[in-house]
Amino acid sequence: MLDAHYEIFRKIYLIVSSELAKKMMIQRVCCRAWKRREKEGLVFEVRVEAVDRLARLSGMSKFIIIRPPSKYLKYT
């Protein structure tokens, strides 16, 4: 489901149950971006907030995930 939303809007909105879950979800999104190897690179916006702190979508914490193009990464 996240793939479909990302392909259309280049943004991902996540609402989680707690601050700890928020940190864990940010780690998961970064890991997913790292595993997704694309020749042209990958840039997308992630907004994550705990449900008890959510007032409106525009007020969510925003993170920009940048994955450089694979031609610049050397795997050893």
PDB file of N, CA and C in Angstrom:
ATOM      1  N   MET A   1       0.818  -1.191   0.000  1.00  0.00           N
ATOM      2  CA  MET A   1       0.000   0.000   0.000  1.00  0.00           C
ATOM      3  C   MET A   1       0.866   1.261   0.000  1.00  0.00           C
ATOM      4  N   LEU A   2       1.960   1.231   0.753  1.00  0.00           N
ATOM      5  CA  LEU A   2       2.846   2.396   0.754  1.00  0.00           C
ATOM      6  C   LEU A   2       3.438   2.634  -0.621  1.00  0.00           C
ATOM      7  N   ASP A   3       3.753   1.556  -1.345  1.00  0.00           N
ATOM      8  CA  ASP A   3       4.301   1.717  -2.691  1.00  0.00           C
ATOM      9  C   ASP A   3       3.321   2.441  -3.595  1.00  0.00           C
ATOM     10  N   ALA A   4       2.053   2.075  -3.542  1.00  0.00           N
ATOM     11  CA  ALA A   4       1.044   2.701  -4.402  1.00  0.00           C
ATOM     12  C   ALA A   4       0.895   4.184  -4.072  1.00  0.00           C
ATOM     13  N   HIS A   5       0.841   4.522  -2.804  1.00  0.00           N
ATOM     14  CA  HIS A   5       0.704   5.922  -2.397  1.00  0.00           C
ATOM     15  C   HIS A   5       1.945   6.711  -2.795  1.00  0.00           C
ATOM     16  N   TYR A   6       3.113   6.117  -2.631  1.00  0.00           N
ATOM     17  CA  TYR A   6       4.358   6.797  -2.989  1.00  0.00           C
ATOM     18  C   TYR A   6       4.420   7.063  -4.489  1.00  0.00           C
ATOM     19  N   GLU A   7       4.037   6.076  -5.304  1.00  0.00           N
ATOM     20  CA  GLU A   7       4.124   6.222  -6.757  1.00  0.00           C
ATOM     21  C   GLU A   7       3.261   7.383  -7.257  1.00  0.00           C
ATOM     22  N   ILE A   8       2.149   7.641  -6.606  1.00  0.00           N
ATOM     23  CA  ILE A   8       1.249   8.702  -7.056  1.00  0.00           C
ATOM     24  C   ILE A   8       1.669  10.067  -6.511  1.00  0.00           C
ATOM     25  N   PHE A   9       1.940  10.152  -5.231  1.00  0.00           N
ATOM     26  CA  PHE A   9       2.137  11.450  -4.580  1.00  0.00           C
ATOM     27  C   PHE A   9       3.577  11.775  -4.189  1.00  0.00           C
ATOM     28  N   ARG A  10       4.485  10.799  -4.183  1.00  0.00           N
ATOM     29  CA  ARG A  10       5.859  10.973  -3.716  1.00  0.00           C
ATOM     30  C   ARG A  10       5.912  11.412  -2.254  1.00  0.00           C
ATOM     31  N   LYS A  11       4.857  11.101  -1.519  1.00  0.00           N
ATOM     32  CA  LYS A  11       4.794  11.402  -0.090  1.00  0.00           C
ATOM     33  C   LYS A  11       4.202  10.197   0.623  1.00  0.00           C
ATOM     34  N   ILE A  12       4.592  10.011   1.873  1.00  0.00           N
ATOM     35  CA  ILE A  12       4.038   8.940   2.693  1.00  0.00           C
ATOM     36  C   ILE A  12       3.626   9.554   4.026  1.00  0.00           C
ATOM     37  N   TYR A  13       2.389   9.308   4.429  1.00  0.00           N
ATOM     38  CA  TYR A  13       1.878   9.762   5.720  1.00  0.00           C
ATOM     39  C   TYR A  13       1.694   8.544   6.612  1.00  0.00           C
ATOM     40  N   LEU A  14       2.265   8.568   7.809  1.00  0.00           N
ATOM     41  CA  LEU A  14       2.158   7.456   8.745  1.00  0.00           C
ATOM     42  C   LEU A  14       1.694   7.976  10.098  1.00  0.00           C
ATOM     43  N   ILE A  15       0.684   7.344  10.633  1.00  0.00           N
ATOM     44  CA  ILE A  15       0.202   7.667  11.976  1.00  0.00           C
ATOM     45  C   ILE A  15       0.419   6.424  12.820  1.00  0.00           C
ATOM     46  N   VAL A  16       1.176   6.577  13.890  1.00  0.00           N
ATOM     47  CA  VAL A  16       1.554   5.438  14.722  1.00  0.00           C
ATOM     48  C   VAL A  16       1.029   5.635  16.141  1.00  0.00           C
ATOM     49  N   SER A  17       1.204   4.604  16.968  1.00  0.00           N
ATOM     50  CA  SER A  17       0.569   4.609  18.286  1.00  0.00           C
ATOM     51  C   SER A  17       1.347   5.354  19.371  1.00  0.00           C
ATOM     52  N   SER A  18       2.662   5.524  19.223  1.00  0.00           N
ATOM     53  CA  SER A  18       3.446   6.152  20.290  1.00  0.00           C
ATOM     54  C   SER A  18       4.711   6.788  19.719  1.00  0.00           C
ATOM     55  N   GLU A  19       5.437   7.491  20.576  1.00  0.00           N
ATOM     56  CA  GLU A  19       6.701   8.105  20.164  1.00  0.00           C
ATOM     57  C   GLU A  19       7.739   7.038  19.816  1.00  0.00           C
ATOM     58  N   LEU A  20       7.756   5.940  20.564  1.00  0.00           N
ATOM     59  CA  LEU A  20       8.679   4.849  20.251  1.00  0.00           C
ATOM     60  C   LEU A  20       8.353   4.245  18.888  1.00  0.00           C
ATOM     61  N   ALA A  21       7.077   4.047  18.619  1.00  0.00           N
ATOM     62  CA  ALA A  21       6.662   3.519  17.313  1.00  0.00           C
ATOM     63  C   ALA A  21       7.031   4.491  16.196  1.00  0.00           C
ATOM     64  N   LYS A  22       6.995   5.777  16.485  1.00  0.00           N
ATOM     65  CA  LYS A  22       7.380   6.794  15.501  1.00  0.00           C
ATOM     66  C   LYS A  22       8.850   6.632  15.119  1.00  0.00           C
ATOM     67  N   LYS A  23       9.718   6.471  16.116  1.00  0.00           N
ATOM     68  CA  LYS A  23      11.144   6.283  15.849  1.00  0.00           C
ATOM     69  C   LYS A  23      11.398   4.991  15.078  1.00  0.00           C
ATOM     70  N   MET A  24      10.688   3.945  15.454  1.00  0.00           N
ATOM     71  CA  MET A  24      10.847   2.664  14.762  1.00  0.00           C
ATOM     72  C   MET A  24      10.389   2.757  13.309  1.00  0.00           C
ATOM     73  N   MET A  25       9.319   3.471  13.052  1.00  0.00           N
ATOM     74  CA  MET A  25       8.809   3.599  11.689  1.00  0.00           C
ATOM     75  C   MET A  25       9.765   4.420  10.828  1.00  0.00           C
ATOM     76  N   ILE A  26      10.380   5.438  11.397  1.00  0.00           N
ATOM     77  CA  ILE A  26      11.369   6.219  10.651  1.00  0.00           C
ATOM     78  C   ILE A  26      12.545   5.322  10.258  1.00  0.00           C
ATOM     79  N   GLN A  27      12.983   4.457  11.176  1.00  0.00           N
ATOM     80  CA  GLN A  27      14.052   3.513  10.857  1.00  0.00           C
ATOM     81  C   GLN A  27      13.637   2.573   9.734  1.00  0.00           C
ATOM     82  N   ARG A  28      12.412   2.081   9.780  1.00  0.00           N
ATOM     83  CA  ARG A  28      11.929   1.165   8.742  1.00  0.00           C
ATOM     84  C   ARG A  28      11.871   1.837   7.382  1.00  0.00           C
ATOM     85  N   VAL A  29      11.416   3.075   7.345  1.00  0.00           N
ATOM     86  CA  VAL A  29      11.332   3.796   6.075  1.00  0.00           C
ATOM     87  C   VAL A  29      12.735   4.024   5.508  1.00  0.00           C
ATOM     88  N   CYS A  30      13.687   4.386   6.353  1.00  0.00           N
ATOM     89  CA  CYS A  30      15.066   4.578   5.885  1.00  0.00           C
ATOM     90  C   CYS A  30      15.659   3.269   5.372  1.00  0.00           C
ATOM     91  N   CYS A  31      15.401   2.184   6.069  1.00  0.00           N
ATOM     92  CA  CYS A  31      15.887   0.875   5.636  1.00  0.00           C
ATOM     93  C   CYS A  31      15.270   0.491   4.297  1.00  0.00           C
ATOM     94  N   ARG A  32      13.991   0.745   4.138  1.00  0.00           N
ATOM     95  CA  ARG A  32      13.306   0.429   2.883  1.00  0.00           C
ATOM     96  C   ARG A  32      13.883   1.244   1.729  1.00  0.00           C
ATOM     97  N   ALA A  33      14.168   2.508   1.976  1.00  0.00           N
ATOM     98  CA  ALA A  33      14.769   3.350   0.943  1.00  0.00           C
ATOM     99  C   ALA A  33      16.159   2.840   0.574  1.00  0.00           C
ATOM    100  N   TRP A  34      16.898   2.348   1.559  1.00  0.00           N
ATOM    101  CA  TRP A  34      18.231   1.835   1.288  1.00  0.00           C
ATOM    102  C   TRP A  34      18.167   0.560   0.448  1.00  0.00           C
ATOM    103  N   LYS A  35      17.220  -0.317   0.750  1.00  0.00           N
ATOM    104  CA  LYS A  35      17.096  -1.583   0.020  1.00  0.00           C
ATOM    105  C   LYS A  35      16.564  -1.397  -1.394  1.00  0.00           C
ATOM    106  N   ARG A  36      15.849  -0.336  -1.616  1.00  0.00           N
ATOM    107  CA  ARG A  36      15.267  -0.087  -2.934  1.00  0.00           C
ATOM    108  C   ARG A  36      16.315   0.582  -3.815  1.00  0.00           C
ATOM    109  N   ARG A  37      16.971  -0.197  -4.625  1.00  0.00           N
ATOM    110  CA  ARG A  37      18.066   0.307  -5.462  1.00  0.00           C
ATOM    111  C   ARG A  37      17.525   0.753  -6.809  1.00  0.00           C
ATOM    112  N   GLU A  38      17.601   2.031  -7.056  1.00  0.00           N
ATOM    113  CA  GLU A  38      17.162   2.580  -8.334  1.00  0.00           C
ATOM    114  C   GLU A  38      18.317   3.351  -8.949  1.00  0.00           C
ATOM    115  N   LYS A  39      18.482   3.212 -10.252  1.00  0.00           N
ATOM    116  CA  LYS A  39      19.607   3.868 -10.921  1.00  0.00           C
ATOM    117  C   LYS A  39      19.554   5.379 -10.792  1.00  0.00           C
ATOM    118  N   GLU A  40      18.356   5.949 -10.836  1.00  0.00           N
ATOM    119  CA  GLU A  40      18.237   7.405 -10.782  1.00  0.00           C
ATOM    120  C   GLU A  40      18.162   7.952  -9.361  1.00  0.00           C
ATOM    121  N   GLY A  41      18.197   7.097  -8.361  1.00  0.00           N
ATOM    122  CA  GLY A  41      18.119   7.544  -6.978  1.00  0.00           C
ATOM    123  C   GLY A  41      16.678   7.597  -6.496  1.00  0.00           C
ATOM    124  N   LEU A  42      16.498   8.047  -5.286  1.00  0.00           N
ATOM    125  CA  LEU A  42      15.178   8.044  -4.681  1.00  0.00           C
ATOM    126  C   LEU A  42      15.080   9.209  -3.706  1.00  0.00           C
ATOM    127  N   VAL A  43      14.066  10.028  -3.852  1.00  0.00           N
ATOM    128  CA  VAL A  43      13.806  11.134  -2.930  1.00  0.00           C
ATOM    129  C   VAL A  43      12.312  11.155  -2.662  1.00  0.00           C
ATOM    130  N   PHE A  44      11.932  11.106  -1.391  1.00  0.00           N
ATOM    131  CA  PHE A  44      10.520  11.223  -1.060  1.00  0.00           C
ATOM    132  C   PHE A  44      10.350  11.819   0.328  1.00  0.00           C
ATOM    133  N   GLU A  45       9.158  12.266   0.590  1.00  0.00           N
ATOM    134  CA  GLU A  45       8.818  12.924   1.854  1.00  0.00           C
ATOM    135  C   GLU A  45       8.024  11.956   2.719  1.00  0.00           C
ATOM    136  N   VAL A  46       8.391  11.894   3.989  1.00  0.00           N
ATOM    137  CA  VAL A  46       7.671  11.064   4.955  1.00  0.00           C
ATOM    138  C   VAL A  46       7.212  11.962   6.086  1.00  0.00           C
ATOM    139  N   ARG A  47       5.958  11.857   6.430  1.00  0.00           N
ATOM    140  CA  ARG A  47       5.423  12.562   7.600  1.00  0.00           C
ATOM    141  C   ARG A  47       4.956  11.509   8.591  1.00  0.00           C
ATOM    142  N   VAL A  48       5.470  11.596   9.815  1.00  0.00           N
ATOM    143  CA  VAL A  48       5.174  10.604  10.841  1.00  0.00           C
ATOM    144  C   VAL A  48       4.769  11.332  12.112  1.00  0.00           C
ATOM    145  N   GLU A  49       3.718  10.847  12.763  1.00  0.00           N
ATOM    146  CA  GLU A  49       3.306  11.426  14.039  1.00  0.00           C
ATOM    147  C   GLU A  49       2.580  10.378  14.864  1.00  0.00           C
ATOM    148  N   ALA A  50       2.716  10.489  16.175  1.00  0.00           N
ATOM    149  CA  ALA A  50       1.983   9.617  17.089  1.00  0.00           C
ATOM    150  C   ALA A  50       0.533  10.076  17.144  1.00  0.00           C
ATOM    151  N   VAL A  51      -0.368   9.127  17.284  1.00  0.00           N
ATOM    152  CA  VAL A  51      -1.797   9.433  17.210  1.00  0.00           C
ATOM    153  C   VAL A  51      -2.236  10.400  18.312  1.00  0.00           C
ATOM    154  N   ASP A  52      -1.622  10.339  19.481  1.00  0.00           N
ATOM    155  CA  ASP A  52      -2.024  11.225  20.576  1.00  0.00           C
ATOM    156  C   ASP A  52      -1.533  12.666  20.386  1.00  0.00           C
ATOM    157  N   ARG A  53      -0.600  12.887  19.471  1.00  0.00           N
ATOM    158  CA  ARG A  53      -0.091  14.235  19.219  1.00  0.00           C
ATOM    159  C   ARG A  53      -0.576  14.809  17.901  1.00  0.00           C
ATOM    160  N   LEU A  54      -1.402  14.067  17.188  1.00  0.00           N
ATOM    161  CA  LEU A  54      -1.839  14.484  15.860  1.00  0.00           C
ATOM    162  C   LEU A  54      -2.970  15.496  15.953  1.00  0.00           C
ATOM    163  N   ALA A  55      -2.762  16.669  15.392  1.00  0.00           N
ATOM    164  CA  ALA A  55      -3.803  17.694  15.331  1.00  0.00           C
ATOM    165  C   ALA A  55      -4.293  17.858  13.894  1.00  0.00           C
ATOM    166  N   ARG A  56      -3.349  17.935  12.964  1.00  0.00           N
ATOM    167  CA  ARG A  56      -3.695  18.017  11.537  1.00  0.00           C
ATOM    168  C   ARG A  56      -2.512  17.493  10.729  1.00  0.00           C
ATOM    169  N   LEU A  57      -2.769  17.086   9.505  1.00  0.00           N
ATOM    170  CA  LEU A  57      -1.721  16.482   8.680  1.00  0.00           C
ATOM    171  C   LEU A  57      -0.572  17.442   8.406  1.00  0.00           C
ATOM    172  N   SER A  58      -0.868  18.713   8.226  1.00  0.00           N
ATOM    173  CA  SER A  58       0.204  19.668   7.933  1.00  0.00           C
ATOM    174  C   SER A  58       1.132  19.885   9.131  1.00  0.00           C
ATOM    175  N   GLY A  59       0.685  19.532  10.329  1.00  0.00           N
ATOM    176  CA  GLY A  59       1.496  19.698  11.522  1.00  0.00           C
ATOM    177  C   GLY A  59       2.349  18.495  11.872  1.00  0.00           C
ATOM    178  N   MET A  60       2.319  17.467  11.038  1.00  0.00           N
ATOM    179  CA  MET A  60       3.090  16.255  11.310  1.00  0.00           C
ATOM    180  C   MET A  60       4.582  16.507  11.090  1.00  0.00           C
ATOM    181  N   SER A  61       5.417  15.766  11.820  1.00  0.00           N
ATOM    182  CA  SER A  61       6.866  15.852  11.625  1.00  0.00           C
ATOM    183  C   SER A  61       7.209  15.408  10.211  1.00  0.00           C
ATOM    184  N   LYS A  62       8.047  16.179   9.530  1.00  0.00           N
ATOM    185  CA  LYS A  62       8.367  15.884   8.134  1.00  0.00           C
ATOM    186  C   LYS A  62       9.833  15.500   7.999  1.00  0.00           C
ATOM    187  N   PHE A  63      10.079  14.440   7.225  1.00  0.00           N
ATOM    188  CA  PHE A  63      11.429  13.976   6.942  1.00  0.00           C
ATOM    189  C   PHE A  63      11.563  13.792   5.440  1.00  0.00           C
ATOM    190  N   ILE A  64      12.689  14.213   4.899  1.00  0.00           N
ATOM    191  CA  ILE A  64      12.984  14.003   3.488  1.00  0.00           C
ATOM    192  C   ILE A  64      14.013  12.873   3.416  1.00  0.00           C
ATOM    193  N   ILE A  65      13.654  11.783   2.761  1.00  0.00           N
ATOM    194  CA  ILE A  65      14.528  10.624   2.620  1.00  0.00           C
ATOM    195  C   ILE A  65      15.205  10.713   1.255  1.00  0.00           C
ATOM    196  N   ILE A  66      16.527  10.711   1.256  1.00  0.00           N
ATOM    197  CA  ILE A  66      17.292  10.827   0.016  1.00  0.00           C
ATOM    198  C   ILE A  66      18.188   9.599  -0.123  1.00  0.00           C
ATOM    199  N   ARG A  67      18.018   8.894  -1.219  1.00  0.00           N
ATOM    200  CA  ARG A  67      18.861   7.737  -1.544  1.00  0.00           C
ATOM    201  C   ARG A  67      19.618   8.091  -2.811  1.00  0.00           C
ATOM    202  N   PRO A  68      20.956   8.215  -2.738  1.00  0.00           N
ATOM    203  CA  PRO A  68      21.717   8.600  -3.928  1.00  0.00           C
ATOM    204  C   PRO A  68      21.583   7.559  -5.041  1.00  0.00           C
ATOM    205  N   PRO A  69      21.829   7.953  -6.280  1.00  0.00           N
ATOM    206  CA  PRO A  69      21.802   6.983  -7.377  1.00  0.00           C
ATOM    207  C   PRO A  69      22.802   5.854  -7.128  1.00  0.00           C
ATOM    208  N   SER A  70      22.460   4.652  -7.540  1.00  0.00           N
ATOM    209  CA  SER A  70      23.300   3.491  -7.253  1.00  0.00           C
ATOM    210  C   SER A  70      24.669   3.570  -7.922  1.00  0.00           C
ATOM    211  N   LYS A  71      24.807   4.353  -8.980  1.00  0.00           N
ATOM    212  CA  LYS A  71      26.113   4.447  -9.643  1.00  0.00           C
ATOM    213  C   LYS A  71      27.147   5.158  -8.768  1.00  0.00           C
ATOM    214  N   TYR A  72      26.701   5.911  -7.748  1.00  0.00           N
ATOM    215  CA  TYR A  72      27.622   6.599  -6.854  1.00  0.00           C
ATOM    216  C   TYR A  72      27.976   5.781  -5.620  1.00  0.00           C
ATOM    217  N   LEU A  73      27.320   4.653  -5.434  1.00  0.00           N
ATOM    218  CA  LEU A  73      27.557   3.831  -4.253  1.00  0.00           C
ATOM    219  C   LEU A  73      28.456   2.659  -4.611  1.00  0.00           C
ATOM    220  N   LYS A  74      29.482   2.455  -3.831  1.00  0.00           N
ATOM    221  CA  LYS A  74      30.397   1.331  -4.036  1.00  0.00           C
ATOM    222  C   LYS A  74      30.128   0.302  -2.950  1.00  0.00           C
ATOM    223  N   TYR A  75      29.796  -0.898  -3.356  1.00  0.00           N
ATOM    224  CA  TYR A  75      29.540  -1.978  -2.399  1.00  0.00           C
ATOM    225  C   TYR A  75      30.794  -2.822  -2.273  1.00  0.00           C
ATOM    226  N   THR A  76      31.237  -3.034  -1.038  1.00  0.00           N
ATOM    227  CA  THR A  76      32.434  -3.841  -0.832  1.00  0.00           C
ATOM    228  C   THR A  76      32.114  -5.080  -0.063  1.00  0.00           C
TER     229      THR A  76
END
